[in-house]
Each structure stands twice: as structure tokens, then as C-alpha cells.
mmCIF file of all heavy atoms, coordinates in Angstrom:
data_MODEL
# 
_entry.id   MODEL 
# 
loop_
_atom_site.group_PDB 
_atom_site.id 
_atom_site.type_symbol 
_atom_site.label_atom_id 
_atom_site.label_alt_id 
_atom_site.label_comp_id 
_atom_site.label_asym_id 
_atom_site.label_entity_id 
_atom_site.label_seq_id 
_atom_site.pdbx_PDB_ins_code 
_atom_site.Cartn_x 
_atom_site.Cartn_y 
_atom_site.Cartn_z 
_atom_site.occupancy 
_atom_site.B_iso_or_equiv 
_atom_site.pdbx_formal_charge 
_atom_site.auth_seq_id 
_atom_site.auth_comp_id 
_atom_site.auth_asym_id 
_atom_site.auth_atom_id 
_atom_site.pdbx_PDB_model_num 
ATOM 1   N N   . ASN A 1 1  ? 69.387 85.883  -19.995 1.00 0.00 ? 1  ASN A N   1 
ATOM 2   C CA  . ASN A 1 1  ? 69.344 84.835  -18.970 1.00 0.00 ? 1  ASN A CA  1 
ATOM 3   C C   . ASN A 1 1  ? 68.759 83.534  -19.512 1.00 0.00 ? 1  ASN A C   1 
ATOM 4   O O   . ASN A 1 1  ? 69.152 82.440  -19.089 1.00 0.00 ? 1  ASN A O   1 
ATOM 5   C CB  . ASN A 1 1  ? 68.514 85.306  -17.773 1.00 0.00 ? 1  ASN A CB  1 
ATOM 6   C CG  . ASN A 1 1  ? 69.226 86.366  -16.941 1.00 0.00 ? 1  ASN A CG  1 
ATOM 7   O OD1 . ASN A 1 1  ? 70.450 86.501  -17.003 1.00 0.00 ? 1  ASN A OD1 1 
ATOM 8   N ND2 . ASN A 1 1  ? 68.467 87.126  -16.163 1.00 0.00 ? 1  ASN A ND2 1 
ATOM 9   N N   . ARG A 1 2  ? 67.849 83.652  -20.466 1.00 0.00 ? 2  ARG A N   1 
ATOM 10  C CA  . ARG A 1 2  ? 67.172 82.466  -21.009 1.00 0.00 ? 2  ARG A CA  1 
ATOM 11  C C   . ARG A 1 2  ? 68.030 81.700  -22.005 1.00 0.00 ? 2  ARG A C   1 
ATOM 12  O O   . ARG A 1 2  ? 67.942 80.472  -22.110 1.00 0.00 ? 2  ARG A O   1 
ATOM 13  C CB  . ARG A 1 2  ? 65.866 82.895  -21.692 1.00 0.00 ? 2  ARG A CB  1 
ATOM 14  C CG  . ARG A 1 2  ? 64.999 81.748  -22.198 1.00 0.00 ? 2  ARG A CG  1 
ATOM 15  C CD  . ARG A 1 2  ? 63.798 82.269  -22.969 1.00 0.00 ? 2  ARG A CD  1 
ATOM 16  N NE  . ARG A 1 2  ? 64.186 82.946  -24.189 1.00 0.00 ? 2  ARG A NE  1 
ATOM 17  C CZ  . ARG A 1 2  ? 64.479 82.315  -25.332 1.00 0.00 ? 2  ARG A CZ  1 
ATOM 18  N NH1 . ARG A 1 2  ? 64.449 80.983  -25.376 1.00 0.00 ? 2  ARG A NH1 1 
ATOM 19  N NH2 . ARG A 1 2  ? 64.819 83.002  -26.399 1.00 0.00 ? 2  ARG A NH2 1 
ATOM 20  N N   . THR A 1 3  ? 68.874 82.433  -22.748 1.00 0.00 ? 3  THR A N   1 
ATOM 21  C CA  . THR A 1 3  ? 69.571 81.815  -23.879 1.00 0.00 ? 3  THR A CA  1 
ATOM 22  C C   . THR A 1 3  ? 70.944 81.248  -23.542 1.00 0.00 ? 3  THR A C   1 
ATOM 23  O O   . THR A 1 3  ? 71.654 80.793  -24.438 1.00 0.00 ? 3  THR A O   1 
ATOM 24  C CB  . THR A 1 3  ? 69.704 82.827  -25.029 1.00 0.00 ? 3  THR A CB  1 
ATOM 25  O OG1 . THR A 1 3  ? 70.324 84.027  -24.547 1.00 0.00 ? 3  THR A OG1 1 
ATOM 26  C CG2 . THR A 1 3  ? 68.335 83.170  -25.606 1.00 0.00 ? 3  THR A CG2 1 
ATOM 27  N N   . GLN A 1 4  ? 71.358 81.300  -22.282 1.00 0.00 ? 4  GLN A N   1 
ATOM 28  C CA  . GLN A 1 4  ? 72.621 80.661  -21.894 1.00 0.00 ? 4  GLN A CA  1 
ATOM 29  C C   . GLN A 1 4  ? 72.517 80.235  -20.434 1.00 0.00 ? 4  GLN A C   1 
ATOM 30  O O   . GLN A 1 4  ? 71.625 80.692  -19.702 1.00 0.00 ? 4  GLN A O   1 
ATOM 31  C CB  . GLN A 1 4  ? 73.831 81.590  -22.141 1.00 0.00 ? 4  GLN A CB  1 
ATOM 32  C CG  . GLN A 1 4  ? 73.681 83.003  -21.634 1.00 0.00 ? 4  GLN A CG  1 
ATOM 33  C CD  . GLN A 1 4  ? 73.833 83.134  -20.140 1.00 0.00 ? 4  GLN A CD  1 
ATOM 34  O OE1 . GLN A 1 4  ? 74.774 82.598  -19.565 1.00 0.00 ? 4  GLN A OE1 1 
ATOM 35  N NE2 . GLN A 1 4  ? 72.922 83.828  -19.471 1.00 0.00 ? 4  GLN A NE2 1 
ATOM 36  N N   . ASN A 1 5  ? 73.418 79.361  -20.019 1.00 0.00 ? 5  ASN A N   1 
ATOM 37  C CA  . ASN A 1 5  ? 73.326 78.739  -18.695 1.00 0.00 ? 5  ASN A CA  1 
ATOM 38  C C   . ASN A 1 5  ? 74.497 79.040  -17.777 1.00 0.00 ? 5  ASN A C   1 
ATOM 39  O O   . ASN A 1 5  ? 74.649 78.400  -16.731 1.00 0.00 ? 5  ASN A O   1 
ATOM 40  C CB  . ASN A 1 5  ? 73.190 77.212  -18.852 1.00 0.00 ? 5  ASN A CB  1 
ATOM 41  C CG  . ASN A 1 5  ? 71.933 76.820  -19.591 1.00 0.00 ? 5  ASN A CG  1 
ATOM 42  O OD1 . ASN A 1 5  ? 70.848 77.321  -19.289 1.00 0.00 ? 5  ASN A OD1 1 
ATOM 43  N ND2 . ASN A 1 5  ? 72.066 75.924  -20.567 1.00 0.00 ? 5  ASN A ND2 1 
ATOM 44  N N   . ASP A 1 6  ? 75.335 79.996  -18.161 1.00 0.00 ? 6  ASP A N   1 
ATOM 45  C CA  . ASP A 1 6  ? 76.534 80.274  -17.371 1.00 0.00 ? 6  ASP A CA  1 
ATOM 46  C C   . ASP A 1 6  ? 76.406 81.506  -16.482 1.00 0.00 ? 6  ASP A C   1 
ATOM 47  O O   . ASP A 1 6  ? 77.052 81.594  -15.430 1.00 0.00 ? 6  ASP A O   1 
ATOM 48  C CB  . ASP A 1 6  ? 77.734 80.453  -18.300 1.00 0.00 ? 6  ASP A CB  1 
ATOM 49  C CG  . ASP A 1 6  ? 78.012 79.216  -19.137 1.00 0.00 ? 6  ASP A CG  1 
ATOM 50  O OD1 . ASP A 1 6  ? 77.918 78.107  -18.570 1.00 0.00 ? 6  ASP A OD1 1 
ATOM 51  O OD2 . ASP A 1 6  ? 78.296 79.357  -20.333 1.00 0.00 ? 6  ASP A OD2 1 
ATOM 52  N N   . ILE A 1 7  ? 75.621 82.511  -16.919 1.00 0.00 ? 7  ILE A N   1 
ATOM 53  C CA  . ILE A 1 7  ? 75.564 83.805  -16.236 1.00 0.00 ? 7  ILE A CA  1 
ATOM 54  C C   . ILE A 1 7  ? 74.111 84.163  -15.974 1.00 0.00 ? 7  ILE A C   1 
ATOM 55  O O   . ILE A 1 7  ? 73.234 83.930  -16.820 1.00 0.00 ? 7  ILE A O   1 
ATOM 56  C CB  . ILE A 1 7  ? 76.224 84.908  -17.101 1.00 0.00 ? 7  ILE A CB  1 
ATOM 57  C CG1 . ILE A 1 7  ? 77.676 84.528  -17.447 1.00 0.00 ? 7  ILE A CG1 1 
ATOM 58  C CG2 . ILE A 1 7  ? 76.183 86.258  -16.388 1.00 0.00 ? 7  ILE A CG2 1 
ATOM 59  C CD1 . ILE A 1 7  ? 78.261 85.359  -18.560 1.00 0.00 ? 7  ILE A CD1 1 
ATOM 60  N N   . PHE A 1 8  ? 73.864 84.758  -14.818 1.00 0.00 ? 8  PHE A N   1 
ATOM 61  C CA  . PHE A 1 8  ? 72.519 85.251  -14.493 1.00 0.00 ? 8  PHE A CA  1 
ATOM 62  C C   . PHE A 1 8  ? 72.627 86.726  -14.137 1.00 0.00 ? 8  PHE A C   1 
ATOM 63  O O   . PHE A 1 8  ? 73.349 87.096  -13.202 1.00 0.00 ? 8  PHE A O   1 
ATOM 64  C CB  . PHE A 1 8  ? 71.914 84.468  -13.332 1.00 0.00 ? 8  PHE A CB  1 
ATOM 65  C CG  . PHE A 1 8  ? 70.494 84.833  -13.053 1.00 0.00 ? 8  PHE A CG  1 
ATOM 66  C CD1 . PHE A 1 8  ? 69.455 84.201  -13.711 1.00 0.00 ? 8  PHE A CD1 1 
ATOM 67  C CD2 . PHE A 1 8  ? 70.184 85.811  -12.103 1.00 0.00 ? 8  PHE A CD2 1 
ATOM 68  C CE1 . PHE A 1 8  ? 68.134 84.533  -13.451 1.00 0.00 ? 8  PHE A CE1 1 
ATOM 69  C CE2 . PHE A 1 8  ? 68.872 86.150  -11.831 1.00 0.00 ? 8  PHE A CE2 1 
ATOM 70  C CZ  . PHE A 1 8  ? 67.844 85.509  -12.512 1.00 0.00 ? 8  PHE A CZ  1 
ATOM 71  N N   . VAL A 1 9  ? 71.926 87.569  -14.886 1.00 0.00 ? 9  VAL A N   1 
ATOM 72  C CA  . VAL A 1 9  ? 71.956 89.010  -14.662 1.00 0.00 ? 9  VAL A CA  1 
ATOM 73  C C   . VAL A 1 9  ? 70.771 89.415  -13.794 1.00 0.00 ? 9  VAL A C   1 
ATOM 74  O O   . VAL A 1 9  ? 69.618 89.083  -14.099 1.00 0.00 ? 9  VAL A O   1 
ATOM 75  C CB  . VAL A 1 9  ? 71.907 89.783  -15.992 1.00 0.00 ? 9  VAL A CB  1 
ATOM 76  C CG1 . VAL A 1 9  ? 71.851 91.292  -15.738 1.00 0.00 ? 9  VAL A CG1 1 
ATOM 77  C CG2 . VAL A 1 9  ? 73.110 89.437  -16.860 1.00 0.00 ? 9  VAL A CG2 1 
ATOM 78  N N   . ASP A 1 10 ? 71.057 90.131  -12.718 1.00 0.00 ? 10 ASP A N   1 
ATOM 79  C CA  . ASP A 1 10 ? 70.012 90.664  -11.843 1.00 0.00 ? 10 ASP A CA  1 
ATOM 80  C C   . ASP A 1 10 ? 69.939 92.167  -12.073 1.00 0.00 ? 10 ASP A C   1 
ATOM 81  O O   . ASP A 1 10 ? 70.886 92.899  -11.769 1.00 0.00 ? 10 ASP A O   1 
ATOM 82  C CB  . ASP A 1 10 ? 70.338 90.364  -10.380 1.00 0.00 ? 10 ASP A CB  1 
ATOM 83  C CG  . ASP A 1 10 ? 69.290 90.933  -9.439  1.00 0.00 ? 10 ASP A CG  1 
ATOM 84  O OD1 . ASP A 1 10 ? 68.110 90.940  -9.817  1.00 0.00 ? 10 ASP A OD1 1 
ATOM 85  O OD2 . ASP A 1 10 ? 69.668 91.349  -8.341  1.00 0.00 ? 10 ASP A OD2 1 
ATOM 86  N N   . LEU A 1 11 ? 68.819 92.628  -12.611 1.00 0.00 ? 11 LEU A N   1 
ATOM 87  C CA  . LEU A 1 11 ? 68.634 94.041  -12.943 1.00 0.00 ? 11 LEU A CA  1 
ATOM 88  C C   . LEU A 1 11 ? 67.987 94.779  -11.781 1.00 0.00 ? 11 LEU A C   1 
ATOM 89  O O   . LEU A 1 11 ? 66.928 94.383  -11.289 1.00 0.00 ? 11 LEU A O   1 
ATOM 90  C CB  . LEU A 1 11 ? 67.752 94.155  -14.191 1.00 0.00 ? 11 LEU A CB  1 
ATOM 91  C CG  . LEU A 1 11 ? 67.299 95.552  -14.610 1.00 0.00 ? 11 LEU A CG  1 
ATOM 92  C CD1 . LEU A 1 11 ? 68.498 96.447  -14.915 1.00 0.00 ? 11 LEU A CD1 1 
ATOM 93  C CD2 . LEU A 1 11 ? 66.372 95.462  -15.818 1.00 0.00 ? 11 LEU A CD2 1 
ATOM 94  N N   . LEU A 1 12 ? 68.629 95.869  -11.348 1.00 0.00 ? 12 LEU A N   1 
ATOM 95  C CA  . LEU A 1 12 ? 68.109 96.691  -10.265 1.00 0.00 ? 12 LEU A CA  1 
ATOM 96  C C   . LEU A 1 12 ? 67.981 98.131  -10.750 1.00 0.00 ? 12 LEU A C   1 
ATOM 97  O O   . LEU A 1 12 ? 68.931 98.704  -11.285 1.00 0.00 ? 12 LEU A O   1 
ATOM 98  C CB  . LEU A 1 12 ? 69.045 96.650  -9.058  1.00 0.00 ? 12 LEU A CB  1 
ATOM 99  C CG  . LEU A 1 12 ? 68.674 97.552  -7.867  1.00 0.00 ? 12 LEU A CG  1 
ATOM 100 C CD1 . LEU A 1 12 ? 67.364 97.073  -7.227  1.00 0.00 ? 12 LEU A CD1 1 
ATOM 101 C CD2 . LEU A 1 12 ? 69.797 97.566  -6.834  1.00 0.00 ? 12 LEU A CD2 1 
ATOM 102 N N   . THR A 1 13 ? 66.798 98.720  -10.590 1.00 0.00 ? 13 THR A N   1 
ATOM 103 C CA  . THR A 1 13 ? 66.589 100.119 -10.956 1.00 0.00 ? 13 THR A CA  1 
ATOM 104 C C   . THR A 1 13 ? 67.146 101.016 -9.860  1.00 0.00 ? 13 THR A C   1 
ATOM 105 O O   . THR A 1 13 ? 66.813 100.864 -8.687  1.00 0.00 ? 13 THR A O   1 
ATOM 106 C CB  . THR A 1 13 ? 65.098 100.419 -11.153 1.00 0.00 ? 13 THR A CB  1 
ATOM 107 O OG1 . THR A 1 13 ? 64.581 99.567  -12.183 1.00 0.00 ? 13 THR A OG1 1 
ATOM 108 C CG2 . THR A 1 13 ? 64.878 101.866 -11.539 1.00 0.00 ? 13 THR A CG2 1 
ATOM 109 N N   . VAL A 1 14 ? 67.996 101.975 -10.265 1.00 0.00 ? 14 VAL A N   1 
ATOM 110 C CA  . VAL A 1 14 ? 68.673 102.865 -9.316  1.00 0.00 ? 14 VAL A CA  1 
ATOM 111 C C   . VAL A 1 14 ? 68.519 104.301 -9.791  1.00 0.00 ? 14 VAL A C   1 
ATOM 112 O O   . VAL A 1 14 ? 68.921 104.636 -10.912 1.00 0.00 ? 14 VAL A O   1 
ATOM 113 C CB  . VAL A 1 14 ? 70.167 102.511 -9.194  1.00 0.00 ? 14 VAL A CB  1 
ATOM 114 C CG1 . VAL A 1 14 ? 70.886 103.495 -8.274  1.00 0.00 ? 14 VAL A CG1 1 
ATOM 115 C CG2 . VAL A 1 14 ? 70.341 101.083 -8.683  1.00 0.00 ? 14 VAL A CG2 1 
ATOM 116 N N   . SER A 1 15 ? 67.936 105.152 -8.979  1.00 0.00 ? 15 SER A N   1 
ATOM 117 C CA  . SER A 1 15 ? 67.830 106.570 -9.324  1.00 0.00 ? 15 SER A CA  1 
ATOM 118 C C   . SER A 1 15 ? 69.167 107.261 -9.081  1.00 0.00 ? 15 SER A C   1 
ATOM 119 O O   . SER A 1 15 ? 70.017 106.758 -8.340  1.00 0.00 ? 15 SER A O   1 
ATOM 120 C CB  . SER A 1 15 ? 66.731 107.226 -8.483  1.00 0.00 ? 15 SER A CB  1 
ATOM 121 O OG  . SER A 1 15 ? 67.055 107.164 -7.108  1.00 0.00 ? 15 SER A OG  1 
ATOM 122 N N   . ASP A 1 16 ? 69.344 108.449 -9.717  1.00 0.00 ? 16 ASP A N   1 
ATOM 123 C CA  . ASP A 1 16 ? 70.587 109.221 -9.542  1.00 0.00 ? 16 ASP A CA  1 
ATOM 124 C C   . ASP A 1 16 ? 71.800 108.316 -9.750  1.00 0.00 ? 16 ASP A C   1 
ATOM 125 O O   . ASP A 1 16 ? 72.774 108.349 -8.988  1.00 0.00 ? 16 ASP A O   1 
ATOM 126 C CB  . ASP A 1 16 ? 70.613 109.849 -8.146  1.00 0.00 ? 16 ASP A CB  1 
ATOM 127 C CG  . ASP A 1 16 ? 71.725 110.883 -7.980  1.00 0.00 ? 16 ASP A CG  1 
ATOM 128 O OD1 . ASP A 1 16 ? 72.141 111.474 -8.999  1.00 0.00 ? 16 ASP A OD1 1 
ATOM 129 O OD2 . ASP A 1 16 ? 72.174 111.087 -6.837  1.00 0.00 ? 16 ASP A OD2 1 
ATOM 130 N N   . ILE A 1 17 ? 71.739 107.543 -10.808 1.00 0.00 ? 17 ILE A N   1 
ATOM 131 C CA  . ILE A 1 17 ? 72.712 106.454 -10.969 1.00 0.00 ? 17 ILE A CA  1 
ATOM 132 C C   . ILE A 1 17 ? 74.136 106.946 -11.138 1.00 0.00 ? 17 ILE A C   1 
ATOM 133 O O   . ILE A 1 17 ? 75.084 106.292 -10.685 1.00 0.00 ? 17 ILE A O   1 
ATOM 134 C CB  . ILE A 1 17 ? 72.297 105.546 -12.141 1.00 0.00 ? 17 ILE A CB  1 
ATOM 135 C CG1 . ILE A 1 17 ? 73.070 104.229 -12.069 1.00 0.00 ? 17 ILE A CG1 1 
ATOM 136 C CG2 . ILE A 1 17 ? 72.478 106.255 -13.479 1.00 0.00 ? 17 ILE A CG2 1 
ATOM 137 C CD1 . ILE A 1 17 ? 72.527 103.147 -12.977 1.00 0.00 ? 17 ILE A CD1 1 
ATOM 138 N N   . GLN A 1 18 ? 74.326 108.105 -11.782 1.00 0.00 ? 18 GLN A N   1 
ATOM 139 C CA  . GLN A 1 18 ? 75.696 108.561 -12.013 1.00 0.00 ? 18 GLN A CA  1 
ATOM 140 C C   . GLN A 1 18 ? 76.417 108.868 -10.711 1.00 0.00 ? 18 GLN A C   1 
ATOM 141 O O   . GLN A 1 18 ? 77.629 108.662 -10.598 1.00 0.00 ? 18 GLN A O   1 
ATOM 142 C CB  . GLN A 1 18 ? 75.714 109.780 -12.952 1.00 0.00 ? 18 GLN A CB  1 
ATOM 143 C CG  . GLN A 1 18 ? 75.048 111.033 -12.417 1.00 0.00 ? 18 GLN A CG  1 
ATOM 144 C CD  . GLN A 1 18 ? 73.580 111.098 -12.741 1.00 0.00 ? 18 GLN A CD  1 
ATOM 145 O OE1 . GLN A 1 18 ? 72.883 110.095 -12.789 1.00 0.00 ? 18 GLN A OE1 1 
ATOM 146 N NE2 . GLN A 1 18 ? 73.095 112.316 -12.986 1.00 0.00 ? 18 GLN A NE2 1 
ATOM 147 N N   . ASN A 1 19 ? 75.690 109.348 -9.701  1.00 0.00 ? 19 ASN A N   1 
ATOM 148 C CA  . ASN A 1 19 ? 76.321 109.645 -8.413  1.00 0.00 ? 19 ASN A CA  1 
ATOM 149 C C   . ASN A 1 19 ? 76.415 108.406 -7.526  1.00 0.00 ? 19 ASN A C   1 
ATOM 150 O O   . ASN A 1 19 ? 77.437 108.181 -6.874  1.00 0.00 ? 19 ASN A O   1 
ATOM 151 C CB  . ASN A 1 19 ? 75.542 110.752 -7.702  1.00 0.00 ? 19 ASN A CB  1 
ATOM 152 C CG  . ASN A 1 19 ? 75.668 112.088 -8.405  1.00 0.00 ? 19 ASN A CG  1 
ATOM 153 O OD1 . ASN A 1 19 ? 76.742 112.439 -8.893  1.00 0.00 ? 19 ASN A OD1 1 
ATOM 154 N ND2 . ASN A 1 19 ? 74.581 112.832 -8.479  1.00 0.00 ? 19 ASN A ND2 1 
ATOM 155 N N   . LYS A 1 20 ? 75.363 107.598 -7.506  1.00 0.00 ? 20 LYS A N   1 
ATOM 156 C CA  . LYS A 1 20 ? 75.385 106.415 -6.643  1.00 0.00 ? 20 LYS A CA  1 
ATOM 157 C C   . LYS A 1 20 ? 76.392 105.380 -7.120  1.00 0.00 ? 20 LYS A C   1 
ATOM 158 O O   . LYS A 1 20 ? 77.019 104.686 -6.308  1.00 0.00 ? 20 LYS A O   1 
ATOM 159 C CB  . LYS A 1 20 ? 73.987 105.819 -6.559  1.00 0.00 ? 20 LYS A CB  1 
ATOM 160 C CG  . LYS A 1 20 ? 73.037 106.669 -5.738  1.00 0.00 ? 20 LYS A CG  1 
ATOM 161 C CD  . LYS A 1 20 ? 71.636 106.093 -5.696  1.00 0.00 ? 20 LYS A CD  1 
ATOM 162 C CE  . LYS A 1 20 ? 70.708 106.999 -4.880  1.00 0.00 ? 20 LYS A CE  1 
ATOM 163 N NZ  . LYS A 1 20 ? 69.295 106.531 -4.936  1.00 0.00 ? 20 LYS A NZ  1 
ATOM 164 N N   . THR A 1 21 ? 76.574 105.273 -8.432  1.00 0.00 ? 21 THR A N   1 
ATOM 165 C CA  . THR A 1 21 ? 77.579 104.339 -8.930  1.00 0.00 ? 21 THR A CA  1 
ATOM 166 C C   . THR A 1 21 ? 78.984 104.797 -8.542  1.00 0.00 ? 21 THR A C   1 
ATOM 167 O O   . THR A 1 21 ? 79.822 103.983 -8.122  1.00 0.00 ? 21 THR A O   1 
ATOM 168 C CB  . THR A 1 21 ? 77.474 104.182 -10.456 1.00 0.00 ? 21 THR A CB  1 
ATOM 169 O OG1 . THR A 1 21 ? 76.163 103.722 -10.799 1.00 0.00 ? 21 THR A OG1 1 
ATOM 170 C CG2 . THR A 1 21 ? 78.500 103.193 -10.978 1.00 0.00 ? 21 THR A CG2 1 
ATOM 171 N N   . MET A 1 22 ? 79.233 106.105 -8.638  1.00 0.00 ? 22 MET A N   1 
ATOM 172 C CA  . MET A 1 22 ? 80.538 106.616 -8.241  1.00 0.00 ? 22 MET A CA  1 
ATOM 173 C C   . MET A 1 22 ? 80.787 106.380 -6.752  1.00 0.00 ? 22 MET A C   1 
ATOM 174 O O   . MET A 1 22 ? 81.885 105.980 -6.339  1.00 0.00 ? 22 MET A O   1 
ATOM 175 C CB  . MET A 1 22 ? 80.635 108.113 -8.561  1.00 0.00 ? 22 MET A CB  1 
ATOM 176 C CG  . MET A 1 22 ? 81.992 108.728 -8.254  1.00 0.00 ? 22 MET A CG  1 
ATOM 177 S SD  . MET A 1 22 ? 83.311 108.145 -9.361  1.00 0.00 ? 22 MET A SD  1 
ATOM 178 C CE  . MET A 1 22 ? 83.097 109.281 -10.745 1.00 0.00 ? 22 MET A CE  1 
ATOM 179 N N   . LEU A 1 23 ? 79.773 106.593 -5.940  1.00 0.00 ? 23 LEU A N   1 
ATOM 180 C CA  . LEU A 1 23 ? 79.913 106.343 -4.506  1.00 0.00 ? 23 LEU A CA  1 
ATOM 181 C C   . LEU A 1 23 ? 80.181 104.862 -4.239  1.00 0.00 ? 23 LEU A C   1 
ATOM 182 O O   . LEU A 1 23 ? 80.999 104.510 -3.383  1.00 0.00 ? 23 LEU A O   1 
ATOM 183 C CB  . LEU A 1 23 ? 78.649 106.787 -3.776  1.00 0.00 ? 23 LEU A CB  1 
ATOM 184 C CG  . LEU A 1 23 ? 78.437 108.304 -3.628  1.00 0.00 ? 23 LEU A CG  1 
ATOM 185 C CD1 . LEU A 1 23 ? 77.027 108.593 -3.135  1.00 0.00 ? 23 LEU A CD1 1 
ATOM 186 C CD2 . LEU A 1 23 ? 79.466 108.905 -2.686  1.00 0.00 ? 23 LEU A CD2 1 
ATOM 187 N N   . ALA A 1 24 ? 79.481 103.998 -4.967  1.00 0.00 ? 24 ALA A N   1 
ATOM 188 C CA  . ALA A 1 24 ? 79.669 102.561 -4.769  1.00 0.00 ? 24 ALA A CA  1 
ATOM 189 C C   . ALA A 1 24 ? 81.079 102.126 -5.152  1.00 0.00 ? 24 ALA A C   1 
ATOM 190 O O   . ALA A 1 24 ? 81.690 101.283 -4.486  1.00 0.00 ? 24 ALA A O   1 
ATOM 191 C CB  . ALA A 1 24 ? 78.638 101.787 -5.593  1.00 0.00 ? 24 ALA A CB  1 
ATOM 192 N N   . VAL A 1 25 ? 81.607 102.704 -6.223  1.00 0.00 ? 25 VAL A N   1 
ATOM 193 C CA  . VAL A 1 25 ? 82.986 102.391 -6.621  1.00 0.00 ? 25 VAL A CA  1 
ATOM 194 C C   . VAL A 1 25 ? 83.949 102.854 -5.537  1.00 0.00 ? 25 VAL A C   1 
ATOM 195 O O   . VAL A 1 25 ? 84.873 102.132 -5.146  1.00 0.00 ? 25 VAL A O   1 
ATOM 196 C CB  . VAL A 1 25 ? 83.324 103.060 -7.974  1.00 0.00 ? 25 VAL A CB  1 
ATOM 197 C CG1 . VAL A 1 25 ? 84.807 102.898 -8.296  1.00 0.00 ? 25 VAL A CG1 1 
ATOM 198 C CG2 . VAL A 1 25 ? 82.477 102.466 -9.096  1.00 0.00 ? 25 VAL A CG2 1 
ATOM 199 N N   . SER A 1 26 ? 83.747 104.066 -5.030  1.00 0.00 ? 26 SER A N   1 
ATOM 200 C CA  . SER A 1 26 ? 84.616 104.602 -3.988  1.00 0.00 ? 26 SER A CA  1 
ATOM 201 C C   . SER A 1 26 ? 84.585 103.745 -2.734  1.00 0.00 ? 26 SER A C   1 
ATOM 202 O O   . SER A 1 26 ? 85.605 103.565 -2.061  1.00 0.00 ? 26 SER A O   1 
ATOM 203 C CB  . SER A 1 26 ? 84.185 106.034 -3.651  1.00 0.00 ? 26 SER A CB  1 
ATOM 204 O OG  . SER A 1 26 ? 85.005 106.587 -2.653  1.00 0.00 ? 26 SER A OG  1 
ATOM 205 N N   . ALA A 1 27 ? 83.397 103.194 -2.423  1.00 0.00 ? 27 ALA A N   1 
ATOM 206 C CA  . ALA A 1 27 ? 83.240 102.382 -1.220  1.00 0.00 ? 27 ALA A CA  1 
ATOM 207 C C   . ALA A 1 27 ? 83.659 100.938 -1.431  1.00 0.00 ? 27 ALA A C   1 
ATOM 208 O O   . ALA A 1 27 ? 83.681 100.147 -0.485  1.00 0.00 ? 27 ALA A O   1 
ATOM 209 C CB  . ALA A 1 27 ? 81.789 102.429 -0.754  1.00 0.00 ? 27 ALA A CB  1 
ATOM 210 N N   . GLY A 1 28 ? 83.981 100.556 -2.685  1.00 0.00 ? 28 GLY A N   1 
ATOM 211 C CA  . GLY A 1 28 ? 84.421 99.200  -2.965  1.00 0.00 ? 28 GLY A CA  1 
ATOM 212 C C   . GLY A 1 28 ? 83.299 98.190  -3.096  1.00 0.00 ? 28 GLY A C   1 
ATOM 213 O O   . GLY A 1 28 ? 83.536 96.983  -2.985  1.00 0.00 ? 28 GLY A O   1 
# 
């Protein structure tokens, strides 16, 4: 985020990520 001015990454800690990411993809 510091070394460029085009993109800003927001990091969020998510438990059980393999299942929650799949659910999020399914839900759009």
C-alpha cells in the first residue's frame, strides 16, 4: 500500500477460511 498509489489492500482475518471463502463465492 505504501509503495504505489493505484491499489489499496484491506486485510481481514477470517477463520475457517477454506469453507467461508467457498460460501462467499457461491453467494456471489
